[in-house]
PDB file of N, CA and C in Angstrom:
ATOM      1  N   MET A   1      27.554  23.083   4.274  1.00  0.00           N
ATOM      2  CA  MET A   1      26.721  24.402   4.895  1.00  0.00           C
ATOM      3  C   MET A   1      25.499  23.893   5.539  1.00  0.00           C
ATOM      4  N   SER A   2      25.316  24.662   6.851  1.00  0.00           N
ATOM      5  CA  SER A   2      24.405  24.181   7.481  1.00  0.00           C
ATOM      6  C   SER A   2      23.065  25.100   7.187  1.00  0.00           C
ATOM      7  N   GLY A   3      21.995  24.553   7.471  1.00  0.00           N
ATOM      8  CA  GLY A   3      20.605  25.421   7.206  1.00  0.00           C
ATOM      9  C   GLY A   3      20.538  26.823   7.463  1.00  0.00           C
ATOM     10  N   ASN A   4      21.354  27.143   8.771  1.00  0.00           N
ATOM     11  CA  ASN A   4      21.434  28.440   9.114  1.00  0.00           C
ATOM     12  C   ASN A   4      22.334  29.389   8.232  1.00  0.00           C
ATOM     13  N   ASP A   5      23.399  28.728   7.731  1.00  0.00           N
ATOM     14  CA  ASP A   5      24.273  29.582   6.803  1.00  0.00           C
ATOM     15  C   ASP A   5      23.645  29.878   5.568  1.00  0.00           C
ATOM     16  N   LYS A   6      22.748  28.709   5.051  1.00  0.00           N
ATOM     17  CA  LYS A   6      22.115  29.047   3.863  1.00  0.00           C
ATOM     18  C   LYS A   6      21.066  29.968   3.849  1.00  0.00           C
ATOM     19  N   PHE A   7      20.257  30.086   4.956  1.00  0.00           N
ATOM     20  CA  PHE A   7      19.340  31.106   5.230  1.00  0.00           C
ATOM     21  C   PHE A   7      19.930  32.385   5.276  1.00  0.00           C
ATOM     22  N   GLU A   8      21.178  32.806   5.813  1.00  0.00           N
ATOM     23  CA  GLU A   8      21.686  33.979   6.039  1.00  0.00           C
ATOM     24  C   GLU A   8      22.111  34.383   4.502  1.00  0.00           C
ATOM     25  N   GLU A   9      22.849  33.459   3.836  1.00  0.00           N
ATOM     26  CA  GLU A   9      23.250  33.729   2.582  1.00  0.00           C
ATOM     27  C   GLU A   9      21.905  34.112   1.655  1.00  0.00           C
ATOM     28  N   GLN A  10      20.820  33.515   1.685  1.00  0.00           N
ATOM     29  CA  GLN A  10      19.517  33.969   0.808  1.00  0.00           C
ATOM     30  C   GLN A  10      18.801  35.002   1.381  1.00  0.00           C
ATOM     31  N   LYS A  11      19.067  35.620   2.703  1.00  0.00           N
ATOM     32  CA  LYS A  11      18.411  36.717   3.263  1.00  0.00           C
ATOM     33  C   LYS A  11      18.708  37.909   2.524  1.00  0.00           C
ATOM     34  N   PHE A  12      17.825  38.763   2.485  1.00  0.00           N
ATOM     35  CA  PHE A  12      17.954  40.267   1.807  1.00  0.00           C
ATOM     36  C   PHE A  12      18.924  40.883   2.492  1.00  0.00           C
ATOM     37  N   LYS A  13      19.668  41.456   1.696  1.00  0.00           N
ATOM     38  CA  LYS A  13      20.637  42.545   2.333  1.00  0.00           C
ATOM     39  C   LYS A  13      20.141  43.867   2.233  1.00  0.00           C
ATOM     40  N   PRO A  14      20.331  44.867   3.339  1.00  0.00           N
ATOM     41  CA  PRO A  14      19.938  46.083   3.243  1.00  0.00           C
ATOM     42  C   PRO A  14      20.042  46.721   1.966  1.00  0.00           C
ATOM     43  N   GLY A  15      19.133  47.489   1.523  1.00  0.00           N
ATOM     44  CA  GLY A  15      19.402  48.033   0.132  1.00  0.00           C
ATOM     45  C   GLY A  15      19.066  47.447  -1.201  1.00  0.00           C
ATOM     46  N   GLN A  16      18.964  45.823  -1.015  1.00  0.00           N
ATOM     47  CA  GLN A  16      19.076  45.148  -1.903  1.00  0.00           C
ATOM     48  C   GLN A  16      17.465  44.713  -2.318  1.00  0.00           C
ATOM     49  N   SER A  17      16.992  44.918  -3.576  1.00  0.00           N
ATOM     50  CA  SER A  17      15.702  44.548  -4.016  1.00  0.00           C
ATOM     51  C   SER A  17      15.456  43.019  -4.015  1.00  0.00           C
ATOM     52  N   GLY A  18      14.186  42.560  -3.611  1.00  0.00           N
ATOM     53  CA  GLY A  18      13.868  41.267  -3.681  1.00  0.00           C
ATOM     54  C   GLY A  18      13.370  40.748  -5.083  1.00  0.00           C
ATOM     55  N   ASN A  19      13.195  41.918  -6.007  1.00  0.00           N
ATOM     56  CA  ASN A  19      12.863  41.639  -7.426  1.00  0.00           C
ATOM     57  C   ASN A  19      13.508  42.730  -8.042  1.00  0.00           C
ATOM     58  N   PRO A  20      14.917  42.454  -8.403  1.00  0.00           N
ATOM     59  CA  PRO A  20      15.605  43.419  -8.989  1.00  0.00           C
ATOM     60  C   PRO A  20      15.420  43.954 -10.368  1.00  0.00           C
ATOM     61  N   LYS A  21      14.691  42.987 -11.034  1.00  0.00           N
ATOM     62  CA  LYS A  21      14.238  43.296 -12.562  1.00  0.00           C
ATOM     63  C   LYS A  21      12.805  43.945 -12.590  1.00  0.00           C
ATOM     64  N   GLY A  22      12.146  44.158 -11.388  1.00  0.00           N
ATOM     65  CA  GLY A  22      10.765  44.647 -11.275  1.00  0.00           C
ATOM     66  C   GLY A  22       9.752  43.947 -12.108  1.00  0.00           C
ATOM     67  N   LYS A  23       8.615  44.310 -12.046  1.00  0.00           N
ATOM     68  CA  LYS A  23       7.388  43.679 -12.667  1.00  0.00           C
ATOM     69  C   LYS A  23       7.559  44.134 -14.518  1.00  0.00           C
ATOM     70  N   PRO A  24       7.407  43.133 -15.115  1.00  0.00           N
ATOM     71  CA  PRO A  24       7.567  43.448 -16.382  1.00  0.00           C
ATOM     72  C   PRO A  24       6.526  44.404 -16.932  1.00  0.00           C
ATOM     73  N   LYS A  25       7.007  45.239 -17.878  1.00  0.00           N
ATOM     74  CA  LYS A  25       6.471  46.347 -18.453  1.00  0.00           C
ATOM     75  C   LYS A  25       5.228  46.013 -19.227  1.00  0.00           C
ATOM     76  N   GLY A  26       3.812  46.607 -19.030  1.00  0.00           N
ATOM     77  CA  GLY A  26       2.876  46.059 -19.812  1.00  0.00           C
ATOM     78  C   GLY A  26       2.139  44.985 -19.370  1.00  0.00           C
ATOM     79  N   LEU A  27       2.631  44.267 -18.067  1.00  0.00           N
ATOM     80  CA  LEU A  27       1.863  43.410 -17.198  1.00  0.00           C
ATOM     81  C   LEU A  27       0.851  44.046 -16.537  1.00  0.00           C
ATOM     82  N   GLN A  28      -0.468  43.451 -16.721  1.00  0.00           N
ATOM     83  CA  GLN A  28      -1.558  44.027 -15.926  1.00  0.00           C
ATOM     84  C   GLN A  28      -2.271  42.813 -14.994  1.00  0.00           C
ATOM     85  N   GLY A  29      -2.482  43.347 -13.691  1.00  0.00           N
ATOM     86  CA  GLY A  29      -3.076  42.553 -12.847  1.00  0.00           C
ATOM     87  C   GLY A  29      -4.726  42.502 -13.289  1.00  0.00           C
ATOM     88  N   GLY A  30      -5.200  41.241 -12.420  1.00  0.00           N
ATOM     89  CA  GLY A  30      -6.487  41.131 -13.018  1.00  0.00           C
ATOM     90  C   GLY A  30      -7.550  42.362 -12.499  1.00  0.00           C
ATOM     91  N   ARG A  31      -7.136  43.120 -11.410  1.00  0.00           N
ATOM     92  CA  ARG A  31      -8.219  44.354 -11.337  1.00  0.00           C
ATOM     93  C   ARG A  31      -7.879  45.271 -12.105  1.00  0.00           C
ATOM     94  N   MET A  32      -6.583  45.683 -12.768  1.00  0.00           N
ATOM     95  CA  MET A  32      -6.487  46.469 -13.961  1.00  0.00           C
ATOM     96  C   MET A  32      -7.099  45.995 -15.209  1.00  0.00           C
ATOM     97  N   GLN A  33      -7.136  44.730 -15.479  1.00  0.00           N
ATOM     98  CA  GLN A  33      -7.883  44.182 -16.580  1.00  0.00           C
ATOM     99  C   GLN A  33      -9.507  44.302 -16.364  1.00  0.00           C
ATOM    100  N   ALA A  34      -9.929  44.149 -15.309  1.00  0.00           N
ATOM    101  CA  ALA A  34     -11.463  44.200 -15.118  1.00  0.00           C
ATOM    102  C   ALA A  34     -11.917  45.754 -15.223  1.00  0.00           C
ATOM    103  N   LEU A  35     -11.033  46.746 -14.634  1.00  0.00           N
ATOM    104  CA  LEU A  35     -11.347  47.924 -14.921  1.00  0.00           C
ATOM    105  C   LEU A  35     -11.401  48.488 -16.177  1.00  0.00           C
ATOM    106  N   GLY A  36     -10.381  48.022 -16.878  1.00  0.00           N
ATOM    107  CA  GLY A  36     -10.266  48.155 -18.325  1.00  0.00           C
ATOM    108  C   GLY A  36     -11.527  47.808 -19.119  1.00  0.00           C
ATOM    109  N   ALA A  37     -11.910  46.712 -18.946  1.00  0.00           N
ATOM    110  CA  ALA A  37     -13.246  46.110 -19.606  1.00  0.00           C
ATOM    111  C   ALA A  37     -14.146  46.807 -18.991  1.00  0.00           C
ATOM    112  N   LEU A  38     -14.566  47.290 -17.746  1.00  0.00           N
ATOM    113  CA  LEU A  38     -15.538  48.218 -17.420  1.00  0.00           C
ATOM    114  C   LEU A  38     -15.524  49.353 -18.138  1.00  0.00           C
ATOM    115  N   ASP A  39     -14.348  49.913 -18.260  1.00  0.00           N
ATOM    116  CA  ASP A  39     -14.235  51.347 -18.967  1.00  0.00           C
ATOM    117  C   ASP A  39     -14.779  51.202 -20.458  1.00  0.00           C
ATOM    118  N   ARG A  40     -14.399  50.129 -21.006  1.00  0.00           N
ATOM    119  CA  ARG A  40     -15.003  49.999 -22.419  1.00  0.00           C
ATOM    120  C   ARG A  40     -16.220  49.886 -22.539  1.00  0.00           C
ATOM    121  N   ILE A  41     -16.829  49.029 -21.714  1.00  0.00           N
ATOM    122  CA  ILE A  41     -18.295  48.875 -21.409  1.00  0.00           C
ATOM    123  C   ILE A  41     -18.992  50.230 -21.383  1.00  0.00           C
ATOM    124  N   ILE A  42     -18.687  51.016 -20.332  1.00  0.00           N
ATOM    125  CA  ILE A  42     -19.246  52.443 -20.045  1.00  0.00           C
ATOM    126  C   ILE A  42     -18.974  53.337 -21.057  1.00  0.00           C
ATOM    127  N   ALA A  43     -18.047  53.226 -21.900  1.00  0.00           N
ATOM    128  CA  ALA A  43     -17.504  54.128 -22.911  1.00  0.00           C
ATOM    129  C   ALA A  43     -18.612  54.259 -24.069  1.00  0.00           C
ATOM    130  N   LYS A  44     -19.291  53.141 -24.280  1.00  0.00           N
ATOM    131  CA  LYS A  44     -20.441  52.877 -25.491  1.00  0.00           C
ATOM    132  C   LYS A  44     -21.504  53.875 -25.015  1.00  0.00           C
ATOM    133  N   GLU A  45     -21.836  54.624 -26.056  1.00  0.00           N
ATOM    134  CA  GLU A  45     -22.723  55.670 -25.943  1.00  0.00           C
ATOM    135  C   GLU A  45     -24.082  55.244 -25.373  1.00  0.00           C
ATOM    136  N   ASP A  46     -24.620  54.143 -25.873  1.00  0.00           N
ATOM    137  CA  ASP A  46     -25.843  53.615 -25.376  1.00  0.00           C
ATOM    138  C   ASP A  46     -25.825  53.275 -23.889  1.00  0.00           C
ATOM    139  N   ASN A  47     -24.635  52.582 -23.549  1.00  0.00           N
ATOM    140  CA  ASN A  47     -24.223  52.145 -22.083  1.00  0.00           C
ATOM    141  C   ASN A  47     -24.344  53.417 -21.212  1.00  0.00           C
ATOM    142  N   LEU A  48     -23.559  54.475 -21.622  1.00  0.00           N
ATOM    143  CA  LEU A  48     -23.261  55.802 -21.070  1.00  0.00           C
ATOM    144  C   LEU A  48     -24.896  56.343 -20.716  1.00  0.00           C
ATOM    145  N   ARG A  49     -25.681  56.321 -21.445  1.00  0.00           N
ATOM    146  CA  ARG A  49     -27.001  57.228 -21.646  1.00  0.00           C
ATOM    147  C   ARG A  49     -27.616  56.155 -20.586  1.00  0.00           C
ATOM    148  N   LEU A  50     -27.665  54.943 -20.591  1.00  0.00           N
ATOM    149  CA  LEU A  50     -28.558  54.128 -19.537  1.00  0.00           C
ATOM    150  C   LEU A  50     -27.821  54.398 -18.107  1.00  0.00           C
ATOM    151  N   ILE A  51     -26.643  54.742 -17.893  1.00  0.00           N
ATOM    152  CA  ILE A  51     -26.071  54.786 -16.627  1.00  0.00           C
ATOM    153  C   ILE A  51     -26.477  56.294 -16.120  1.00  0.00           C
ATOM    154  N   GLU A  52     -26.266  57.521 -16.946  1.00  0.00           N
ATOM    155  CA  GLU A  52     -26.913  58.683 -16.665  1.00  0.00           C
ATOM    156  C   GLU A  52     -28.342  58.633 -16.318  1.00  0.00           C
ATOM    157  N   ASP A  53     -29.126  57.966 -16.948  1.00  0.00           N
ATOM    158  CA  ASP A  53     -30.629  58.044 -16.528  1.00  0.00           C
ATOM    159  C   ASP A  53     -30.918  57.220 -15.450  1.00  0.00           C
ATOM    160  N   ALA A  54     -30.117  56.176 -15.264  1.00  0.00           N
ATOM    161  CA  ALA A  54     -30.254  55.506 -13.838  1.00  0.00           C
ATOM    162  C   ALA A  54     -29.752  56.377 -12.637  1.00  0.00           C
ATOM    163  N   LEU A  55     -28.697  57.049 -12.789  1.00  0.00           N
ATOM    164  CA  LEU A  55     -28.014  57.834 -11.718  1.00  0.00           C
ATOM    165  C   LEU A  55     -29.171  58.993 -11.509  1.00  0.00           C
ATOM    166  N   GLU A  56     -29.824  59.536 -12.585  1.00  0.00           N
ATOM    167  CA  GLU A  56     -30.320  60.691 -12.273  1.00  0.00           C
ATOM    168  C   GLU A  56     -31.809  60.212 -11.637  1.00  0.00           C
ATOM    169  N   GLU A  57     -32.422  58.974 -12.088  1.00  0.00           N
ATOM    170  CA  GLU A  57     -33.532  58.593 -11.461  1.00  0.00           C
ATOM    171  C   GLU A  57     -33.327  58.223  -9.823  1.00  0.00           C
ATOM    172  N   GLU A  58     -32.077  57.845  -9.675  1.00  0.00           N
ATOM    173  CA  GLU A  58     -31.842  57.584  -8.310  1.00  0.00           C
ATOM    174  C   GLU A  58     -31.809  58.700  -7.331  1.00  0.00           C
ATOM    175  N   LEU A  59     -31.118  59.912  -8.017  1.00  0.00           N
ATOM    176  CA  LEU A  59     -30.869  61.121  -7.327  1.00  0.00           C
ATOM    177  C   LEU A  59     -31.972  61.572  -6.835  1.00  0.00           C
ATOM    178  N   ARG A  60     -33.009  61.730  -7.879  1.00  0.00           N
ATOM    179  CA  ARG A  60     -34.423  62.161  -7.743  1.00  0.00           C
ATOM    180  C   ARG A  60     -35.241  61.512  -6.695  1.00  0.00           C
ATOM    181  N   LYS A  61     -34.978  59.994  -6.639  1.00  0.00           N
ATOM    182  CA  LYS A  61     -35.798  59.350  -5.571  1.00  0.00           C
ATOM    183  C   LYS A  61     -35.426  59.338  -4.164  1.00  0.00           C
ATOM    184  N   ARG A  62     -33.852  59.473  -4.057  1.00  0.00           N
ATOM    185  CA  ARG A  62     -33.285  59.233  -2.912  1.00  0.00           C
ATOM    186  C   ARG A  62     -31.871  60.026  -2.693  1.00  0.00           C
ATOM    187  N   PRO A  63     -32.077  61.255  -2.405  1.00  0.00           N
ATOM    188  CA  PRO A  63     -30.906  62.176  -2.762  1.00  0.00           C
ATOM    189  C   PRO A  63     -29.810  62.046  -1.540  1.00  0.00           C
ATOM    190  N   LEU A  64     -30.390  61.704  -0.448  1.00  0.00           N
ATOM    191  CA  LEU A  64     -29.281  61.368   0.546  1.00  0.00           C
ATOM    192  C   LEU A  64     -28.585  60.249   0.322  1.00  0.00           C
ATOM    193  N   TRP A  65     -29.163  59.170   0.065  1.00  0.00           N
ATOM    194  CA  TRP A  65     -28.744  57.844  -0.408  1.00  0.00           C
ATOM    195  C   TRP A  65     -27.757  58.245  -1.513  1.00  0.00           C
ATOM    196  N   PHE A  66     -28.083  58.850  -2.673  1.00  0.00           N
ATOM    197  CA  PHE A  66     -27.296  59.127  -3.695  1.00  0.00           C
ATOM    198  C   PHE A  66     -25.964  59.771  -3.467  1.00  0.00           C
ATOM    199  N   PHE A  67     -26.072  60.817  -2.477  1.00  0.00           N
ATOM    200  CA  PHE A  67     -24.819  61.621  -2.029  1.00  0.00           C
ATOM    201  C   PHE A  67     -23.785  60.599  -1.206  1.00  0.00           C
ATOM    202  N   THR A  68     -24.362  59.686  -0.224  1.00  0.00           N
ATOM    203  CA  THR A  68     -23.540  58.995   0.442  1.00  0.00           C
ATOM    204  C   THR A  68     -23.239  57.767  -0.050  1.00  0.00           C
ATOM    205  N   ASN A  69     -23.857  57.175  -1.002  1.00  0.00           N
ATOM    206  CA  ASN A  69     -23.264  55.962  -1.631  1.00  0.00           C
ATOM    207  C   ASN A  69     -22.758  56.346  -3.049  1.00  0.00           C
ATOM    208  N   ILE A  70     -22.850  57.321  -3.808  1.00  0.00           N
ATOM    209  CA  ILE A  70     -22.503  57.529  -5.083  1.00  0.00           C
ATOM    210  C   ILE A  70     -21.392  58.495  -5.234  1.00  0.00           C
ATOM    211  N   VAL A  71     -21.738  59.723  -4.515  1.00  0.00           N
ATOM    212  CA  VAL A  71     -20.838  60.857  -4.725  1.00  0.00           C
ATOM    213  C   VAL A  71     -19.867  60.918  -3.615  1.00  0.00           C
ATOM    214  N   MET A  72     -19.928  60.554  -2.383  1.00  0.00           N
ATOM    215  CA  MET A  72     -18.866  60.497  -1.337  1.00  0.00           C
ATOM    216  C   MET A  72     -17.987  59.395  -1.697  1.00  0.00           C
ATOM    217  N   PRO A  73     -18.144  58.253  -2.231  1.00  0.00           N
ATOM    218  CA  PRO A  73     -16.965  57.558  -2.564  1.00  0.00           C
ATOM    219  C   PRO A  73     -16.049  58.030  -3.599  1.00  0.00           C
ATOM    220  N   LEU A  74     -16.654  58.639  -4.476  1.00  0.00           N
ATOM    221  CA  LEU A  74     -15.691  59.375  -5.444  1.00  0.00           C
ATOM    222  C   LEU A  74     -15.001  60.340  -5.265  1.00  0.00           C
ATOM    223  N   LEU A  75     -15.232  61.239  -4.008  1.00  0.00           N
ATOM    224  CA  LEU A  75     -14.605  62.212  -3.704  1.00  0.00           C
ATOM    225  C   LEU A  75     -13.417  61.955  -2.899  1.00  0.00           C
ATOM    226  N   PRO A  76     -12.122  62.775  -3.162  1.00  0.00           N
ATOM    227  CA  PRO A  76     -10.881  62.559  -2.371  1.00  0.00           C
ATOM    228  C   PRO A  76     -11.093  62.444  -1.014  1.00  0.00           C
ATOM    229  N   LYS A  77     -10.331  61.535  -0.456  1.00  0.00           N
ATOM    230  CA  LYS A  77     -10.322  61.282   1.173  1.00  0.00           C
ATOM    231  C   LYS A  77     -10.181  62.709   1.926  1.00  0.00           C
ATOM    232  N   GLU A  78      -9.584  63.695   1.255  1.00  0.00           N
ATOM    233  CA  GLU A  78      -9.560  64.931   2.038  1.00  0.00           C
ATOM    234  C   GLU A  78     -10.858  65.917   2.064  1.00  0.00           C
ATOM    235  N   THR A  79     -11.587  65.220   1.174  1.00  0.00           N
ATOM    236  CA  THR A  79     -12.885  65.872   1.226  1.00  0.00           C
ATOM    237  C   THR A  79     -13.965  65.541   2.195  1.00  0.00           C
ATOM    238  N   LYS A  80     -14.619  66.584   2.948  1.00  0.00           N
ATOM    239  CA  LYS A  80     -15.539  66.000   3.804  1.00  0.00           C
ATOM    240  C   LYS A  80     -16.902  67.023   3.758  1.00  0.00           C
ATOM    241  N   GLY A  81     -17.955  66.760   4.385  1.00  0.00           N
ATOM    242  CA  GLY A  81     -19.336  67.658   4.270  1.00  0.00           C
ATOM    243  C   GLY A  81     -20.152  67.419   5.321  1.00  0.00           C
ATOM    244  N   VAL A  82     -21.119  68.332   5.204  1.00  0.00           N
ATOM    245  CA  VAL A  82     -22.145  68.236   6.420  1.00  0.00           C
ATOM    246  C   VAL A  82     -23.464  68.254   5.424  1.00  0.00           C
ATOM    247  N   LEU A  83     -24.133  67.061   5.712  1.00  0.00           N
ATOM    248  CA  LEU A  83     -25.635  66.987   5.121  1.00  0.00           C
ATOM    249  C   LEU A  83     -26.446  66.182   6.113  1.00  0.00           C
ATOM    250  N   GLU A  84     -27.541  66.821   6.287  1.00  0.00           N
ATOM    251  CA  GLU A  84     -28.310  66.360   7.367  1.00  0.00           C
ATOM    252  C   GLU A  84     -29.812  65.678   6.536  1.00  0.00           C
ATOM    253  N   GLY A  85     -30.126  64.639   7.085  1.00  0.00           N
ATOM    254  CA  GLY A  85     -31.357  64.150   6.710  1.00  0.00           C
ATOM    255  C   GLY A  85     -31.740  62.922   7.630  1.00  0.00           C
ATOM    256  N   GLY A  86     -32.696  63.155   8.001  1.00  0.00           N
ATOM    257  CA  GLY A  86     -33.517  62.126   9.029  1.00  0.00           C
ATOM    258  C   GLY A  86     -32.670  62.033  10.114  1.00  0.00           C
ATOM    259  N   ASP A  87     -32.216  60.924  10.562  1.00  0.00           N
ATOM    260  CA  ASP A  87     -31.529  60.619  11.705  1.00  0.00           C
ATOM    261  C   ASP A  87     -29.770  60.556  11.363  1.00  0.00           C
ATOM    262  N   ARG A  88     -29.529  61.026   9.954  1.00  0.00           N
ATOM    263  CA  ARG A  88     -28.081  61.032   9.751  1.00  0.00           C
ATOM    264  C   ARG A  88     -27.585  62.173   9.536  1.00  0.00           C
ATOM    265  N   VAL A  89     -26.239  62.488   9.843  1.00  0.00           N
ATOM    266  CA  VAL A  89     -25.476  63.473   9.482  1.00  0.00           C
ATOM    267  C   VAL A  89     -24.458  63.102   8.960  1.00  0.00           C
ATOM    268  N   ILE A  90     -24.174  63.771   7.594  1.00  0.00           N
ATOM    269  CA  ILE A  90     -22.911  63.412   7.001  1.00  0.00           C
ATOM    270  C   ILE A  90     -22.115  64.602   6.900  1.00  0.00           C
ATOM    271  N   GLU A  91     -20.752  64.488   7.127  1.00  0.00           N
ATOM    272  CA  GLU A  91     -19.876  65.776   7.042  1.00  0.00           C
ATOM    273  C   GLU A  91     -18.955  65.671   5.890  1.00  0.00           C
ATOM    274  N   TRP A  92     -19.157  66.941   5.130  1.00  0.00           N
ATOM    275  CA  TRP A  92     -18.174  67.129   4.005  1.00  0.00           C
ATOM    276  C   TRP A  92     -17.708  68.551   3.827  1.00  0.00           C
ATOM    277  N   ARG A  93     -16.444  68.663   3.668  1.00  0.00           N
ATOM    278  CA  ARG A  93     -16.018  69.760   3.347  1.00  0.00           C
ATOM    279  C   ARG A  93     -15.077  69.815   2.302  1.00  0.00           C
ATOM    280  N   SER A  94     -15.281  70.597   1.283  1.00  0.00           N
ATOM    281  CA  SER A  94     -14.766  70.462   0.083  1.00  0.00           C
ATOM    282  C   SER A  94     -13.177  71.138   0.161  1.00  0.00           C
ATOM    283  N   LEU A  95     -12.415  70.710  -0.835  1.00  0.00           N
ATOM    284  CA  LEU A  95     -11.038  71.252  -0.949  1.00  0.00           C
ATOM    285  C   LEU A  95     -11.183  72.649  -1.747  1.00  0.00           C
ATOM    286  N   VAL A  96     -12.224  72.829  -2.478  1.00  0.00           N
ATOM    287  CA  VAL A  96     -12.260  74.128  -3.227  1.00  0.00           C
ATOM    288  C   VAL A  96     -13.322  75.122  -2.572  1.00  0.00           C
ATOM    289  N   ALA A  97     -12.912  76.207  -2.193  1.00  0.00           N
ATOM    290  CA  ALA A  97     -13.847  77.191  -1.677  1.00  0.00           C
ATOM    291  C   ALA A  97     -14.541  78.020  -2.886  1.00  0.00           C
ATOM    292  N   VAL A  98     -15.843  78.282  -2.680  1.00  0.00           N
ATOM    293  CA  VAL A  98     -16.455  79.170  -3.620  1.00  0.00           C
ATOM    294  C   VAL A  98     -16.416  80.645  -3.210  1.00  0.00           C
ATOM    295  N   GLY A  99     -16.054  81.490  -4.100  1.00  0.00           N
ATOM    296  CA  GLY A  99     -16.012  82.991  -3.619  1.00  0.00           C
ATOM    297  C   GLY A  99     -14.439  83.286  -3.205  1.00  0.00           C
ATOM    298  N   SER A 100     -14.448  84.457  -2.807  1.00  0.00           N
ATOM    299  CA  SER A 100     -13.148  85.013  -2.534  1.00  0.00           C
ATOM    300  C   SER A 100     -12.888  84.887  -1.009  1.00  0.00           C
ATOM    301  N   PRO A 101     -11.717  84.623  -0.434  1.00  0.00           N
ATOM    302  CA  PRO A 101     -11.530  84.433   0.950  1.00  0.00           C
ATOM    303  C   PRO A 101     -11.846  85.935   1.577  1.00  0.00           C
ATOM    304  N   PRO A 102     -12.281  85.817   2.981  1.00  0.00           N
ATOM    305  CA  PRO A 102     -12.879  87.077   3.718  1.00  0.00           C
ATOM    306  C   PRO A 102     -11.487  87.980   3.876  1.00  0.00           C
ATOM    307  N   SER A 103     -11.694  89.299   3.774  1.00  0.00           N
ATOM    308  CA  SER A 103     -10.874  90.118   3.678  1.00  0.00           C
ATOM    309  C   SER A 103     -10.447  90.406   5.151  1.00  0.00           C
ATOM    310  N   ALA A 104      -9.160  90.919   5.505  1.00  0.00           N
ATOM    311  CA  ALA A 104      -8.801  91.187   6.839  1.00  0.00           C
ATOM    312  C   ALA A 104      -9.862  91.973   7.543  1.00  0.00           C
ATOM    313  N   ALA A 105     -10.366  92.870   7.012  1.00  0.00           N
ATOM    314  CA  ALA A 105     -11.317  93.964   7.692  1.00  0.00           C
ATOM    315  C   ALA A 105     -12.544  93.198   8.028  1.00  0.00           C
ATOM    316  N   GLY A 106     -13.052  92.152   7.149  1.00  0.00           N
ATOM    317  CA  GLY A 106     -14.548  91.589   7.369  1.00  0.00           C
ATOM    318  C   GLY A 106     -14.263  90.265   8.223  1.00  0.00           C
ATOM    319  N   GLU A 107     -13.102  89.937   8.735  1.00  0.00           N
ATOM    320  CA  GLU A 107     -13.080  88.702   9.541  1.00  0.00           C
ATOM    321  C   GLU A 107     -13.606  89.031  10.912  1.00  0.00           C
ATOM    322  N   GLY A 108     -14.483  87.980  11.415  1.00  0.00           N
ATOM    323  CA  GLY A 108     -14.862  88.218  12.725  1.00  0.00           C
ATOM    324  C   GLY A 108     -16.190  88.885  12.867  1.00  0.00           C
ATOM    325  N   GLY A 109     -16.527  89.668  11.702  1.00  0.00           N
ATOM    326  CA  GLY A 109     -17.658  90.631  11.899  1.00  0.00           C
ATOM    327  C   GLY A 109     -18.608  90.421  10.806  1.00  0.00           C
ATOM    328  N   ASP A 110     -19.857  90.726  11.033  1.00  0.00           N
ATOM    329  CA  ASP A 110     -20.813  90.644   9.791  1.00  0.00           C
ATOM    330  C   ASP A 110     -20.771  92.059   9.038  1.00  0.00           C
ATOM    331  N   ALA A 111     -20.657  91.726   7.863  1.00  0.00           N
ATOM    332  CA  ALA A 111     -20.800  92.994   6.852  1.00  0.00           C
ATOM    333  C   ALA A 111     -22.199  93.904   6.866  1.00  0.00           C
ATOM    334  N   ASP A 112     -23.368  93.149   7.267  1.00  0.00           N
ATOM    335  CA  ASP A 112     -24.527  93.710   7.002  1.00  0.00           C
ATOM    336  C   ASP A 112     -24.722  94.749   8.066  1.00  0.00           C
TER     337      ASP A 112
END
């Protein structure tokens, strides 16, 4: 058998999985293990209180930094907003609207 024939024999066929048995159940990668350890550490009441205090202190000192570096990365990708501060403009639109949608009669005009 030539090297080319052996390659064709081992090549994946359309519709054939490269790993037919899949990943073993319960096997976690390093990232999931690290996140699990972090979750256990944060879940301790004393640590949670420390984190809450530090976040609140940072929010009071630097609200724009807090919003862009803490809040925005936690928001879904579909979420955007507008926040102006100094020479930076941050766009943010929430997926959830507050209040009721405008009525057909109120669209395009001011109710006042």
